[in-house]
Every structure is written in structure tokens, then in C-alpha cells.
Amino acid sequence: MRTALMRITARLTLTALLSGAAVLGTGVLPASAATGTVVTDSGTGVAIRSGNATSFATVGNQPNGTVEIDCQIYGEPVTGKYGRSLIWDHIPGKGFITDSYVNTGSSGLIAPLCTNNPRADAAINWYAARNGSTAYQGYCEMAAENSYGKTAIWASATADWNDAVARGVAHKGDLNPPKGALVFWDLAAPHGHVGVARGDGYFWATSVNGKIGLAKLPYFSNYRGWAWPNF
């Protein structure tokens, strides 16, 4: 009787474990996962994109309701239900959605920073494709904006930096900017200088030996710090 009872108990325990695994696979989240609630006035949900900007292809639709978020990344600012946000949420196995339509209970990050940043990769590739070019000499801010598919956002690198300072998101003096962050210097007053960080201590910018090039931080004098692009 005891042996039979032990077998029955073992079967029940195994069944419970397998059932729990099946439930987890169908939407019950592990304790460490972050969640949010997609809310759109239209009720049709929000576009899922292959990258953290509206320029990336739509790969699906995330309906209104609870959504799992495994990581977050800064990207193109989007104005939505919850204001203007630079944050993009990564939906496991799907892609990115703008956080401006997701109620997470916070205006900041609630999940780990994503290790992949498609928008930053595109900006870095833009510079790499123009390595050695002198076409942007004297137009560092234009180069930085163009690398992100934007133009005529700020009149100068100093104006761009001052915006980050005013918003309280400037990382002053920090020589470890993440990939895709803008890096700033107090040069060529009053215009300043700006480049894009590669994420490994190097950056791309104009005026590296008189042309677009790759250099190790800080390279120029009067390094200001870094900030995520507000465009």
C-alpha cells in the first residue's frame, strides 16, 4: 500500500509540475518579468515594429491589455496616450512598441536595458559608411541628426546638450556612454561638438583628423558628457 501510495503521489506531483509549465507557456509570467497595459483611444492596440523607431517595419499589432516586457531601450520619441516618451518596450518573440501607449506605472524604465538597439546600429552604420568624408565638416549636429534619419532639430550641438541638461537627462562627464548615445564637447563656442557613441569607449563624429572618423573618448578637450538623442 505504501509503495502504491508513493507512486500515486509521484504521478500527481509530476502532473502538477507539467501543468504549471504549460500554464507558464500560455501567459503566466515569471515573478521577475515586467508587465504593462497597452491603452489606445481607438482600442485597436499599437504597432509592433522591428526596431525602436517608427521608421522600422511593422511586424504585428499589440492589442489593448496586459503585455509582457522583457527589456526596454531608448529610441525615437513618440507622443501617445501617456505623453511623449523616448522609451520603447520589447515584447518577447515579437518586437518593439512605443512606451507612450503603455501604462507601466512609471515614466522611466521598469525592465532591464535591451542589449540590442537597432536604431543605434543604424546610426553607427551611417557614420561608418561615410568614414573619411569631409562633407559634414562644420555641421556635426546635422551629421548626428542625419545618422538617426532626422534633420533641422537643433541649431547646434550646444543647443542639443542644453536641452538634455534642462530635461535632467544629461550624464555630465561620464566617459562610458552606451551604444547610440550622443556625446558632447564644449568646443568651437558657441556651437559645441557632438558625435555618436559606439558603446565600447569609442565614438563616431566629424572633425576626427578633419573628417568623419572613429576615435576613443574623450579625444577632444572639454568633454561635456552624454545623453540619449531627443529626436
Protein backbone atom coordinates (compact mmCIF):
# COMPACT_ATOMS: atom_id res chain seq x y z
CA MET A 1 0.00 0.00 0.00
CA ARG A 2 2.77 2.39 0.87
CA THR A 3 4.56 1.77 -2.45
CA ALA A 4 1.34 2.29 -4.40
CA LEU A 5 0.60 5.49 -2.48
CA MET A 6 4.09 6.80 -3.22
CA ARG A 7 3.61 6.10 -6.94
CA ILE A 8 0.26 7.90 -6.97
CA THR A 9 1.78 10.88 -5.12
CA ALA A 10 4.69 11.00 -7.56
CA ARG A 11 2.31 10.98 -10.52
CA LEU A 12 0.23 13.77 -9.03
CA THR A 13 3.34 15.84 -8.31
CA LEU A 14 4.66 15.35 -11.84
CA THR A 15 1.25 16.24 -13.31
CA ALA A 16 1.14 19.42 -11.25
CA LEU A 17 4.62 20.41 -12.39
CA LEU A 18 3.81 19.77 -16.04
CA SER A 19 0.54 21.68 -15.73
CA GLY A 20 2.39 24.59 -14.17
CA ALA A 21 4.88 24.58 -17.04
CA ALA A 22 2.03 24.56 -19.55
CA VAL A 23 0.38 27.50 -17.80
CA LEU A 24 3.65 29.44 -17.85
CA GLY A 25 3.92 28.79 -21.56
CA THR A 26 0.48 30.25 -22.18
CA GLY A 27 0.90 33.59 -20.49
CA VAL A 28 1.52 33.32 -16.74
CA LEU A 29 4.66 35.36 -16.21
CA PRO A 30 7.65 34.55 -14.01
CA ALA A 31 7.99 36.76 -10.96
CA SER A 32 10.89 38.67 -12.50
CA ALA A 33 9.03 39.71 -15.68
CA ALA A 34 7.78 43.28 -16.10
CA THR A 35 4.29 44.00 -17.37
CA GLY A 36 2.36 46.97 -18.66
CA THR A 37 -1.06 47.72 -20.07
CA VAL A 38 -1.46 48.87 -23.67
CA VAL A 39 -4.12 51.59 -23.87
CA THR A 40 -5.17 53.35 -27.07
CA ASP A 41 -8.21 55.57 -27.53
CA SER A 42 -9.14 53.70 -30.70
CA GLY A 43 -8.97 50.37 -28.91
CA THR A 44 -7.07 48.83 -31.80
CA GLY A 45 -3.75 48.47 -29.99
CA VAL A 46 -0.30 49.65 -31.05
CA ALA A 47 2.03 48.68 -33.88
CA ILE A 48 4.85 46.24 -33.13
CA ARG A 49 7.99 47.23 -35.02
CA SER A 50 11.25 45.52 -35.84
CA GLY A 51 13.20 48.35 -34.22
CA ASN A 52 12.89 51.22 -31.75
CA ALA A 53 11.65 53.89 -34.19
CA THR A 54 8.64 54.49 -36.43
CA SER A 55 10.91 54.12 -39.47
CA PHE A 56 11.24 50.37 -38.79
CA ALA A 57 8.83 47.94 -40.41
CA THR A 58 5.56 47.00 -38.70
CA VAL A 59 5.71 43.30 -37.84
CA GLY A 60 2.44 42.94 -35.94
CA ASN A 61 -0.05 44.59 -33.61
CA GLN A 62 -0.17 44.51 -29.83
CA PRO A 63 -3.82 44.73 -28.73
CA ASN A 64 -5.02 46.74 -25.75
CA GLY A 65 -4.49 44.93 -22.47
CA THR A 66 -1.70 43.40 -20.40
CA VAL A 67 1.62 42.89 -22.15
CA GLU A 68 4.88 41.27 -21.06
CA ILE A 69 8.03 43.42 -21.35
CA ASP A 70 11.38 41.64 -21.16
CA CYS A 71 13.56 44.72 -21.73
CA GLN A 72 13.39 48.39 -22.71
CA ILE A 73 15.52 50.72 -24.81
CA TYR A 74 15.61 54.42 -25.68
CA GLY A 75 14.62 55.27 -29.22
CA GLU A 76 12.68 57.73 -31.33
CA PRO A 77 10.43 59.93 -29.16
CA VAL A 78 6.72 59.31 -29.75
CA THR A 79 3.75 61.20 -28.32
CA GLY A 80 0.86 58.95 -27.30
CA LYS A 81 -1.72 58.25 -24.62
CA TYR A 82 0.78 58.82 -21.81
CA GLY A 83 2.64 61.80 -23.25
CA ARG A 84 5.94 61.96 -25.05
CA SER A 85 8.37 59.14 -24.42
CA LEU A 86 11.77 58.05 -25.74
CA ILE A 87 11.30 54.57 -24.27
CA TRP A 88 10.46 51.52 -26.37
CA ASP A 89 9.31 48.24 -24.84
CA HIS A 90 10.47 44.92 -26.25
CA ILE A 91 7.78 42.25 -26.44
CA PRO A 92 9.36 38.78 -26.25
CA GLY A 93 9.38 37.00 -29.59
CA LYS A 94 7.64 39.89 -31.34
CA GLY A 95 9.43 43.26 -31.46
CA PHE A 96 9.23 46.80 -30.09
CA ILE A 97 6.30 49.03 -29.16
CA THR A 98 6.44 52.66 -28.08
CA ASP A 99 6.03 53.08 -24.32
CA SER A 100 3.90 56.17 -24.90
CA TYR A 101 0.84 53.89 -25.20
CA VAL A 102 1.76 51.58 -22.32
CA ASN A 103 0.76 52.15 -18.71
CA THR A 104 3.65 50.79 -16.67
CA GLY A 105 3.10 52.92 -13.59
CA SER A 106 6.34 54.78 -14.30
CA SER A 107 7.70 57.33 -16.74
CA GLY A 108 11.11 55.62 -16.56
CA LEU A 109 12.46 52.14 -17.17
CA ILE A 110 10.78 49.22 -15.41
CA ALA A 111 12.74 46.43 -17.16
CA PRO A 112 16.43 45.85 -17.96
CA LEU A 113 18.00 47.83 -20.77
CA CYS A 114 17.87 45.82 -24.00
CA THR A 115 21.23 44.62 -25.28
CA ASN A 116 20.11 45.17 -28.87
CA ASN A 117 19.43 48.69 -30.16
CA PRO A 118 18.50 48.60 -33.87
CA ARG A 119 18.20 52.38 -34.13
CA ALA A 120 21.66 52.92 -32.66
CA ASP A 121 23.09 50.29 -35.00
CA ALA A 122 21.63 52.18 -37.97
CA ALA A 123 23.15 55.48 -36.78
CA ILE A 124 26.58 53.92 -36.27
CA ASN A 125 26.40 52.26 -39.69
CA TRP A 126 25.55 55.65 -41.21
CA TYR A 127 28.83 57.10 -39.89
CA ALA A 128 30.84 54.02 -40.83
CA ALA A 129 29.58 54.27 -44.41
CA ARG A 130 30.93 57.86 -44.54
CA ASN A 131 34.24 57.21 -42.85
CA GLY A 132 36.78 59.73 -44.16
CA SER A 133 34.19 62.08 -45.63
CA THR A 134 34.64 65.85 -45.23
CA ALA A 135 31.11 66.65 -46.40
CA TYR A 136 29.88 67.41 -42.86
CA GLN A 137 32.80 69.48 -41.60
CA GLY A 138 31.34 72.31 -39.53
CA TYR A 139 27.98 70.52 -39.34
CA CYS A 140 28.42 67.99 -36.54
CA GLU A 141 24.85 68.36 -35.23
CA MET A 142 23.46 67.83 -38.71
CA ALA A 143 25.55 64.68 -39.06
CA ALA A 144 24.31 63.31 -35.72
CA GLU A 145 20.70 64.03 -36.63
CA ASN A 146 21.05 62.66 -40.16
CA SER A 147 22.55 59.45 -38.77
CA TYR A 148 19.24 58.98 -36.97
CA GLY A 149 17.18 59.88 -40.02
CA LYS A 150 16.33 63.36 -38.73
CA THR A 151 17.28 66.91 -39.69
CA ALA A 152 16.94 70.52 -38.50
CA ILE A 153 16.05 69.61 -34.90
CA TRP A 154 18.64 71.69 -33.05
CA ALA A 155 20.57 74.74 -34.23
CA SER A 156 23.81 73.43 -32.73
CA ALA A 157 25.36 70.72 -30.58
CA THR A 158 25.28 73.15 -27.65
CA ALA A 159 21.53 73.66 -28.08
CA ASP A 160 21.10 69.87 -28.17
CA TRP A 161 23.18 69.45 -25.00
CA ASN A 162 21.36 72.28 -23.22
CA ASP A 163 18.06 70.52 -23.93
CA ALA A 164 19.36 67.36 -22.24
CA VAL A 165 20.56 69.40 -19.24
CA ALA A 166 17.18 71.17 -18.97
CA ARG A 167 15.35 67.83 -19.01
CA GLY A 168 17.65 66.44 -16.32
CA VAL A 169 18.92 63.57 -18.50
CA ALA A 170 22.47 64.74 -19.25
CA HIS A 171 25.18 62.40 -17.94
CA LYS A 172 27.80 65.03 -17.25
CA GLY A 173 31.42 63.90 -17.52
CA ASP A 174 30.53 60.21 -17.90
CA LEU A 175 33.06 58.55 -20.22
CA ASN A 176 31.07 55.32 -20.54
CA PRO A 177 28.16 56.21 -22.83
CA PRO A 178 26.02 53.31 -24.10
CA LYS A 179 25.80 52.46 -27.77
CA GLY A 180 23.84 55.09 -29.69
CA ALA A 181 24.10 57.85 -27.08
CA LEU A 182 25.11 61.31 -28.22
CA VAL A 183 28.46 62.51 -26.83
CA PHE A 184 29.15 66.23 -26.45
CA TRP A 185 32.08 68.64 -26.12
CA ASP A 186 32.30 72.34 -25.33
CA LEU A 187 34.22 73.27 -28.49
CA ALA A 188 34.01 75.91 -31.20
CA ALA A 189 31.99 78.24 -28.97
CA PRO A 190 29.12 78.78 -29.03
CA HIS A 191 28.29 75.81 -31.28
CA GLY A 192 29.87 72.89 -29.41
CA HIS A 193 30.55 69.46 -30.87
CA VAL A 194 28.64 66.16 -30.92
CA GLY A 195 29.13 62.56 -32.03
CA VAL A 196 27.54 59.13 -31.56
CA ALA A 197 28.92 56.57 -29.09
CA ARG A 198 29.71 53.05 -30.29
CA GLY A 199 29.26 51.66 -26.79
CA ASP A 200 32.80 50.39 -26.28
CA GLY A 201 34.59 53.63 -25.37
CA TYR A 202 34.77 54.80 -28.99
CA PHE A 203 32.62 57.27 -30.89
CA TRP A 204 31.91 58.45 -34.42
CA ALA A 205 31.93 62.15 -35.26
CA THR A 206 33.03 64.79 -37.71
CA SER A 207 36.37 66.60 -37.23
CA VAL A 208 38.31 63.46 -36.30
CA ASN A 209 41.53 64.43 -38.06
CA GLY A 210 39.45 66.81 -40.17
CA LYS A 211 36.86 64.27 -41.35
CA ILE A 212 34.25 61.77 -40.21
CA GLY A 213 36.10 59.18 -38.19
CA LEU A 214 36.21 56.85 -35.22
CA ALA A 215 38.09 57.83 -32.07
CA LYS A 216 38.43 56.85 -28.42
CA LEU A 217 36.81 59.03 -25.78
CA PRO A 218 37.39 61.74 -24.79
CA TYR A 219 39.67 62.62 -27.78
CA PHE A 220 38.69 66.32 -27.88
CA SER A 221 39.13 68.64 -24.89
CA ASN A 222 36.25 69.96 -22.75
CA TYR A 223 34.16 66.79 -22.80
CA ARG A 224 30.64 67.52 -21.56
CA GLY A 225 29.07 64.08 -21.26
CA TRP A 226 26.34 62.09 -23.00
CA ALA A 227 22.59 61.90 -23.45
CA TRP A 228 20.12 59.84 -25.46
CA PRO A 229 19.05 61.67 -28.65
CA ASN A 230 15.84 63.64 -28.19
CA PHE A 231 14.80 63.21 -31.85
